[in-house]
Amino acid sequence: MKIEEAKAECERWLAHCDRQRKKSIALQKLATERRAGAVADKDVQTRLAAIEGAGVRVYDGANLEQAVKTLLKHI
């Protein structure tokens, strides 16, 4: 793996982490609003579906290990 490819893979992973963080914050906010009674059950399901999205997204970290090794060799 070349250094530029390794950097790109690390950036992809960091972008995934950022999306997961934003999703977590949105879910925490929704849970807080529900516990406070500010959101009805039917609205929770709609908002939950909007936060979760239409399908499962998983970061495939198969190349991340190689990317990290490549970058560490060049530090």
PDB file of N, CA and C in Angstrom:
ATOM      1  N   MET A   1       0.857  -1.171   0.000  1.00  0.00           N
ATOM      2  CA  MET A   1       0.000   0.000   0.000  1.00  0.00           C
ATOM      3  C   MET A   1       0.903   1.235   0.000  1.00  0.00           C
ATOM      4  N   LYS A   2       0.536   2.209  -0.788  1.00  0.00           N
ATOM      5  CA  LYS A   2       1.286   3.460  -0.862  1.00  0.00           C
ATOM      6  C   LYS A   2       0.799   4.412   0.226  1.00  0.00           C
ATOM      7  N   ILE A   3       1.631   5.378   0.560  1.00  0.00           N
ATOM      8  CA  ILE A   3       1.302   6.319   1.627  1.00  0.00           C
ATOM      9  C   ILE A   3       0.007   7.064   1.334  1.00  0.00           C
ATOM     10  N   GLU A   4      -0.186   7.508   0.115  1.00  0.00           N
ATOM     11  CA  GLU A   4      -1.413   8.242  -0.223  1.00  0.00           C
ATOM     12  C   GLU A   4      -2.648   7.355  -0.064  1.00  0.00           C
ATOM     13  N   GLU A   5      -2.530   6.101  -0.420  1.00  0.00           N
ATOM     14  CA  GLU A   5      -3.653   5.160  -0.235  1.00  0.00           C
ATOM     15  C   GLU A   5      -3.920   4.954   1.249  1.00  0.00           C
ATOM     16  N   ALA A   6      -2.852   4.855   2.033  1.00  0.00           N
ATOM     17  CA  ALA A   6      -2.997   4.668   3.476  1.00  0.00           C
ATOM     18  C   ALA A   6      -3.675   5.877   4.108  1.00  0.00           C
ATOM     19  N   LYS A   7      -3.262   7.060   3.694  1.00  0.00           N
ATOM     20  CA  LYS A   7      -3.888   8.282   4.216  1.00  0.00           C
ATOM     21  C   LYS A   7      -5.368   8.331   3.859  1.00  0.00           C
ATOM     22  N   ALA A   8      -5.687   7.966   2.640  1.00  0.00           N
ATOM     23  CA  ALA A   8      -7.087   7.978   2.191  1.00  0.00           C
ATOM     24  C   ALA A   8      -7.922   6.993   3.004  1.00  0.00           C
ATOM     25  N   GLU A   9      -7.364   5.828   3.296  1.00  0.00           N
ATOM     26  CA  GLU A   9      -8.085   4.827   4.087  1.00  0.00           C
ATOM     27  C   GLU A   9      -8.316   5.331   5.503  1.00  0.00           C
ATOM     28  N   CYS A  10      -7.315   5.969   6.079  1.00  0.00           N
ATOM     29  CA  CYS A  10      -7.472   6.524   7.421  1.00  0.00           C
ATOM     30  C   CYS A  10      -8.519   7.636   7.436  1.00  0.00           C
ATOM     31  N   GLU A  11      -8.538   8.461   6.416  1.00  0.00           N
ATOM     32  CA  GLU A  11      -9.546   9.518   6.307  1.00  0.00           C
ATOM     33  C   GLU A  11     -10.949   8.922   6.179  1.00  0.00           C
ATOM     34  N   ARG A  12     -11.062   7.839   5.435  1.00  0.00           N
ATOM     35  CA  ARG A  12     -12.355   7.163   5.279  1.00  0.00           C
ATOM     36  C   ARG A  12     -12.834   6.641   6.632  1.00  0.00           C
ATOM     37  N   TRP A  13     -11.922   6.060   7.401  1.00  0.00           N
ATOM     38  CA  TRP A  13     -12.267   5.541   8.714  1.00  0.00           C
ATOM     39  C   TRP A  13     -12.670   6.676   9.660  1.00  0.00           C
ATOM     40  N   LEU A  14     -11.925   7.771   9.631  1.00  0.00           N
ATOM     41  CA  LEU A  14     -12.250   8.912  10.477  1.00  0.00           C
ATOM     42  C   LEU A  14     -13.603   9.519  10.109  1.00  0.00           C
ATOM     43  N   ALA A  15     -13.927   9.541   8.833  1.00  0.00           N
ATOM     44  CA  ALA A  15     -15.237  10.033   8.390  1.00  0.00           C
ATOM     45  C   ALA A  15     -16.346   9.121   8.922  1.00  0.00           C
ATOM     46  N   HIS A  16     -16.096   7.819   8.902  1.00  0.00           N
ATOM     47  CA  HIS A  16     -17.064   6.867   9.444  1.00  0.00           C
ATOM     48  C   HIS A  16     -17.267   7.124  10.943  1.00  0.00           C
ATOM     49  N   CYS A  17     -16.171   7.327  11.670  1.00  0.00           N
ATOM     50  CA  CYS A  17     -16.255   7.615  13.109  1.00  0.00           C
ATOM     51  C   CYS A  17     -17.059   8.881  13.362  1.00  0.00           C
ATOM     52  N   ASP A  18     -16.862   9.889  12.534  1.00  0.00           N
ATOM     53  CA  ASP A  18     -17.598  11.150  12.673  1.00  0.00           C
ATOM     54  C   ASP A  18     -19.093  10.935  12.456  1.00  0.00           C
ATOM     55  N   ARG A  19     -19.449  10.149  11.431  1.00  0.00           N
ATOM     56  CA  ARG A  19     -20.870   9.854  11.181  1.00  0.00           C
ATOM     57  C   ARG A  19     -21.479   9.096  12.360  1.00  0.00           C
ATOM     58  N   GLN A  20     -20.745   8.143  12.906  1.00  0.00           N
ATOM     59  CA  GLN A  20     -21.242   7.366  14.041  1.00  0.00           C
ATOM     60  C   GLN A  20     -21.427   8.266  15.263  1.00  0.00           C
ATOM     61  N   ARG A  21     -20.505   9.195  15.481  1.00  0.00           N
ATOM     62  CA  ARG A  21     -20.602  10.125  16.604  1.00  0.00           C
ATOM     63  C   ARG A  21     -21.842  11.001  16.479  1.00  0.00           C
ATOM     64  N   LYS A  22     -22.082  11.529  15.291  1.00  0.00           N
ATOM     65  CA  LYS A  22     -23.254  12.375  15.057  1.00  0.00           C
ATOM     66  C   LYS A  22     -24.543  11.585  15.253  1.00  0.00           C
ATOM     67  N   LYS A  23     -24.543  10.350  14.797  1.00  0.00           N
ATOM     68  CA  LYS A  23     -25.712   9.490  14.956  1.00  0.00           C
ATOM     69  C   LYS A  23     -25.966   9.218  16.443  1.00  0.00           C
ATOM     70  N   SER A  24     -24.909   8.959  17.187  1.00  0.00           N
ATOM     71  CA  SER A  24     -25.027   8.706  18.617  1.00  0.00           C
ATOM     72  C   SER A  24     -25.602   9.914  19.350  1.00  0.00           C
ATOM     73  N   ILE A  25     -25.125  11.093  19.004  1.00  0.00           N
ATOM     74  CA  ILE A  25     -25.623  12.325  19.626  1.00  0.00           C
ATOM     75  C   ILE A  25     -27.108  12.506  19.320  1.00  0.00           C
ATOM     76  N   ALA A  26     -27.502  12.249  18.080  1.00  0.00           N
ATOM     77  CA  ALA A  26     -28.914  12.382  17.695  1.00  0.00           C
ATOM     78  C   ALA A  26     -29.782  11.379  18.457  1.00  0.00           C
ATOM     79  N   LEU A  27     -29.288  10.161  18.628  1.00  0.00           N
ATOM     80  CA  LEU A  27     -30.044   9.148  19.364  1.00  0.00           C
ATOM     81  C   LEU A  27     -30.159   9.518  20.844  1.00  0.00           C
ATOM     82  N   GLN A  28     -29.099  10.037  21.415  1.00  0.00           N
ATOM     83  CA  GLN A  28     -29.138  10.467  22.813  1.00  0.00           C
ATOM     84  C   GLN A  28     -30.137  11.604  23.007  1.00  0.00           C
ATOM     85  N   LYS A  29     -30.145  12.530  22.082  1.00  0.00           N
ATOM     86  CA  LYS A  29     -31.080  13.655  22.152  1.00  0.00           C
ATOM     87  C   LYS A  29     -32.522  13.164  22.053  1.00  0.00           C
ATOM     88  N   LEU A  30     -32.763  12.243  21.125  1.00  0.00           N
ATOM     89  CA  LEU A  30     -34.109  11.689  20.960  1.00  0.00           C
ATOM     90  C   LEU A  30     -34.542  10.960  22.231  1.00  0.00           C
ATOM     91  N   ALA A  31     -33.663  10.179  22.815  1.00  0.00           N
ATOM     92  CA  ALA A  31     -33.984   9.448  24.043  1.00  0.00           C
ATOM     93  C   ALA A  31     -34.298  10.416  25.186  1.00  0.00           C
ATOM     94  N   THR A  32     -33.532  11.479  25.282  1.00  0.00           N
ATOM     95  CA  THR A  32     -33.764  12.488  26.316  1.00  0.00           C
ATOM     96  C   THR A  32     -35.123  13.151  26.132  1.00  0.00           C
ATOM     97  N   GLU A  33     -35.434  13.490  24.889  1.00  0.00           N
ATOM     98  CA  GLU A  33     -36.727  14.121  24.600  1.00  0.00           C
ATOM     99  C   GLU A  33     -37.879  13.175  24.910  1.00  0.00           C
ATOM    100  N   ARG A  34     -37.700  11.892  24.605  1.00  0.00           N
ATOM    101  CA  ARG A  34     -38.759  10.911  24.863  1.00  0.00           C
ATOM    102  C   ARG A  34     -38.976  10.748  26.357  1.00  0.00           C
ATOM    103  N   ARG A  35     -37.875  10.639  27.101  1.00  0.00           N
ATOM    104  CA  ARG A  35     -38.011  10.497  28.561  1.00  0.00           C
ATOM    105  C   ARG A  35     -38.668  11.716  29.186  1.00  0.00           C
ATOM    106  N   ALA A  36     -38.429  12.876  28.620  1.00  0.00           N
ATOM    107  CA  ALA A  36     -39.030  14.109  29.132  1.00  0.00           C
ATOM    108  C   ALA A  36     -40.480  14.260  28.694  1.00  0.00           C
ATOM    109  N   GLY A  37     -40.936  13.392  27.805  1.00  0.00           N
ATOM    110  CA  GLY A  37     -42.310  13.462  27.332  1.00  0.00           C
ATOM    111  C   GLY A  37     -42.515  14.463  26.211  1.00  0.00           C
ATOM    112  N   ALA A  38     -41.441  14.959  25.642  1.00  0.00           N
ATOM    113  CA  ALA A  38     -41.541  15.963  24.584  1.00  0.00           C
ATOM    114  C   ALA A  38     -41.837  15.342  23.219  1.00  0.00           C
ATOM    115  N   VAL A  39     -41.706  14.019  23.126  1.00  0.00           N
ATOM    116  CA  VAL A  39     -41.929  13.323  21.854  1.00  0.00           C
ATOM    117  C   VAL A  39     -42.822  12.115  22.110  1.00  0.00           C
ATOM    118  N   ALA A  40     -43.835  11.941  21.287  1.00  0.00           N
ATOM    119  CA  ALA A  40     -44.751  10.805  21.420  1.00  0.00           C
ATOM    120  C   ALA A  40     -44.117   9.547  20.835  1.00  0.00           C
ATOM    121  N   ASP A  41     -44.629   8.377  21.267  1.00  0.00           N
ATOM    122  CA  ASP A  41     -44.102   7.097  20.796  1.00  0.00           C
ATOM    123  C   ASP A  41     -44.075   6.991  19.275  1.00  0.00           C
ATOM    124  N   LYS A  42     -45.166   7.391  18.633  1.00  0.00           N
ATOM    125  CA  LYS A  42     -45.229   7.263  17.172  1.00  0.00           C
ATOM    126  C   LYS A  42     -44.193   8.159  16.494  1.00  0.00           C
ATOM    127  N   ASP A  43     -43.934   9.320  17.075  1.00  0.00           N
ATOM    128  CA  ASP A  43     -42.938  10.229  16.518  1.00  0.00           C
ATOM    129  C   ASP A  43     -41.517   9.714  16.743  1.00  0.00           C
ATOM    130  N   VAL A  44     -41.317   9.006  17.855  1.00  0.00           N
ATOM    131  CA  VAL A  44     -39.996   8.434  18.140  1.00  0.00           C
ATOM    132  C   VAL A  44     -39.612   7.461  17.036  1.00  0.00           C
ATOM    133  N   GLN A  45     -40.539   6.608  16.642  1.00  0.00           N
ATOM    134  CA  GLN A  45     -40.237   5.617  15.610  1.00  0.00           C
ATOM    135  C   GLN A  45     -39.872   6.276  14.284  1.00  0.00           C
ATOM    136  N   THR A  46     -40.577   7.330  13.940  1.00  0.00           N
ATOM    137  CA  THR A  46     -40.293   8.049  12.697  1.00  0.00           C
ATOM    138  C   THR A  46     -38.920   8.694  12.750  1.00  0.00           C
ATOM    139  N   ARG A  47     -38.633   9.371  13.848  1.00  0.00           N
ATOM    140  CA  ARG A  47     -37.337  10.037  13.983  1.00  0.00           C
ATOM    141  C   ARG A  47     -36.194   9.038  14.099  1.00  0.00           C
ATOM    142  N   LEU A  48     -36.454   7.925  14.775  1.00  0.00           N
ATOM    143  CA  LEU A  48     -35.443   6.876  14.883  1.00  0.00           C
ATOM    144  C   LEU A  48     -35.089   6.327  13.509  1.00  0.00           C
ATOM    145  N   ALA A  49     -36.100   6.083  12.690  1.00  0.00           N
ATOM    146  CA  ALA A  49     -35.865   5.586  11.326  1.00  0.00           C
ATOM    147  C   ALA A  49     -35.070   6.591  10.506  1.00  0.00           C
ATOM    148  N   ALA A  50     -35.344   7.875  10.708  1.00  0.00           N
ATOM    149  CA  ALA A  50     -34.606   8.907   9.974  1.00  0.00           C
ATOM    150  C   ALA A  50     -33.148   8.953  10.403  1.00  0.00           C
ATOM    151  N   ILE A  51     -32.889   8.767  11.678  1.00  0.00           N
ATOM    152  CA  ILE A  51     -31.516   8.777  12.188  1.00  0.00           C
ATOM    153  C   ILE A  51     -30.763   7.535  11.716  1.00  0.00           C
ATOM    154  N   GLU A  52     -31.395   6.399  11.845  1.00  0.00           N
ATOM    155  CA  GLU A  52     -30.744   5.132  11.497  1.00  0.00           C
ATOM    156  C   GLU A  52     -30.515   4.983   9.998  1.00  0.00           C
ATOM    157  N   GLY A  53     -31.389   5.559   9.198  1.00  0.00           N
ATOM    158  CA  GLY A  53     -31.237   5.427   7.752  1.00  0.00           C
ATOM    159  C   GLY A  53     -31.898   4.158   7.235  1.00  0.00           C
ATOM    160  N   ALA A  54     -31.816   3.985   5.929  1.00  0.00           N
ATOM    161  CA  ALA A  54     -32.532   2.884   5.273  1.00  0.00           C
ATOM    162  C   ALA A  54     -31.606   1.702   5.004  1.00  0.00           C
ATOM    163  N   GLY A  55     -30.997   1.185   5.980  1.00  0.00           N
ATOM    164  CA  GLY A  55     -30.140   0.030   5.769  1.00  0.00           C
ATOM    165  C   GLY A  55     -28.975   0.036   6.740  1.00  0.00           C
ATOM    166  N   VAL A  56     -28.305  -1.060   6.779  1.00  0.00           N
ATOM    167  CA  VAL A  56     -27.184  -1.206   7.688  1.00  0.00           C
ATOM    168  C   VAL A  56     -25.908  -0.763   6.979  1.00  0.00           C
ATOM    169  N   ARG A  57     -25.165   0.112   7.635  1.00  0.00           N
ATOM    170  CA  ARG A  57     -23.867   0.537   7.107  1.00  0.00           C
ATOM    171  C   ARG A  57     -22.800   0.135   8.103  1.00  0.00           C
ATOM    172  N   VAL A  58     -21.829  -0.561   7.608  1.00  0.00           N
ATOM    173  CA  VAL A  58     -20.741  -1.022   8.453  1.00  0.00           C
ATOM    174  C   VAL A  58     -19.431  -0.628   7.800  1.00  0.00           C
ATOM    175  N   TYR A  59     -18.525  -0.106   8.579  1.00  0.00           N
ATOM    176  CA  TYR A  59     -17.210   0.227   8.047  1.00  0.00           C
ATOM    177  C   TYR A  59     -16.439  -1.071   7.858  1.00  0.00           C
ATOM    178  N   ASP A  60     -15.932  -1.289   6.669  1.00  0.00           N
ATOM    179  CA  ASP A  60     -15.110  -2.466   6.383  1.00  0.00           C
ATOM    180  C   ASP A  60     -13.662  -2.078   6.627  1.00  0.00           C
ATOM    181  N   GLY A  61     -13.145  -2.483   7.765  1.00  0.00           N
ATOM    182  CA  GLY A  61     -11.804  -2.091   8.159  1.00  0.00           C
ATOM    183  C   GLY A  61     -10.709  -3.004   7.652  1.00  0.00           C
ATOM    184  N   ALA A  62     -10.987  -3.778   6.618  1.00  0.00           N
ATOM    185  CA  ALA A  62     -10.010  -4.731   6.110  1.00  0.00           C
ATOM    186  C   ALA A  62      -8.705  -4.059   5.705  1.00  0.00           C
ATOM    187  N   ASN A  63      -8.774  -2.863   5.165  1.00  0.00           N
ATOM    188  CA  ASN A  63      -7.561  -2.177   4.715  1.00  0.00           C
ATOM    189  C   ASN A  63      -6.962  -1.261   5.773  1.00  0.00           C
ATOM    190  N   LEU A  64      -7.670  -1.044   6.863  1.00  0.00           N
ATOM    191  CA  LEU A  64      -7.190  -0.104   7.871  1.00  0.00           C
ATOM    192  C   LEU A  64      -5.899  -0.592   8.521  1.00  0.00           C
ATOM    193  N   GLU A  65      -5.817  -1.856   8.833  1.00  0.00           N
ATOM    194  CA  GLU A  65      -4.606  -2.393   9.451  1.00  0.00           C
ATOM    195  C   GLU A  65      -3.390  -2.150   8.559  1.00  0.00           C
ATOM    196  N   GLN A  66      -3.529  -2.475   7.288  1.00  0.00           N
ATOM    197  CA  GLN A  66      -2.430  -2.270   6.357  1.00  0.00           C
ATOM    198  C   GLN A  66      -2.090  -0.785   6.225  1.00  0.00           C
ATOM    199  N   ALA A  67      -3.095   0.050   6.232  1.00  0.00           N
ATOM    200  CA  ALA A  67      -2.866   1.489   6.134  1.00  0.00           C
ATOM    201  C   ALA A  67      -2.062   1.994   7.330  1.00  0.00           C
ATOM    202  N   VAL A  68      -2.428   1.551   8.501  1.00  0.00           N
ATOM    203  CA  VAL A  68      -1.732   1.983   9.710  1.00  0.00           C
ATOM    204  C   VAL A  68      -0.285   1.486   9.693  1.00  0.00           C
ATOM    205  N   LYS A  69      -0.095   0.242   9.313  1.00  0.00           N
ATOM    206  CA  LYS A  69       1.255  -0.300   9.232  1.00  0.00           C
ATOM    207  C   LYS A  69       2.105   0.491   8.238  1.00  0.00           C
ATOM    208  N   THR A  70       1.529   0.814   7.101  1.00  0.00           N
ATOM    209  CA  THR A  70       2.246   1.578   6.092  1.00  0.00           C
ATOM    210  C   THR A  70       2.648   2.945   6.606  1.00  0.00           C
ATOM    211  N   LEU A  71       1.725   3.621   7.269  1.00  0.00           N
ATOM    212  CA  LEU A  71       2.024   4.946   7.794  1.00  0.00           C
ATOM    213  C   LEU A  71       3.064   4.894   8.911  1.00  0.00           C
ATOM    214  N   LEU A  72       2.962   3.888   9.769  1.00  0.00           N
ATOM    215  CA  LEU A  72       3.923   3.774  10.867  1.00  0.00           C
ATOM    216  C   LEU A  72       5.338   3.513  10.361  1.00  0.00           C
ATOM    217  N   LYS A  73       5.467   2.815   9.263  1.00  0.00           N
ATOM    218  CA  LYS A  73       6.786   2.568   8.676  1.00  0.00           C
ATOM    219  C   LYS A  73       7.452   3.861   8.221  1.00  0.00           C
ATOM    220  N   HIS A  74       6.626   4.849   7.881  1.00  0.00           N
ATOM    221  CA  HIS A  74       7.153   6.084   7.316  1.00  0.00           C
ATOM    222  C   HIS A  74       7.204   7.252   8.300  1.00  0.00           C
ATOM    223  N   ILE A  75       6.969   6.953   9.537  1.00  0.00           N
ATOM    224  CA  ILE A  75       7.033   8.023  10.553  1.00  0.00           C
ATOM    225  C   ILE A  75       8.466   8.149  11.041  1.00  0.00           C
TER     226      ILE A  75
END
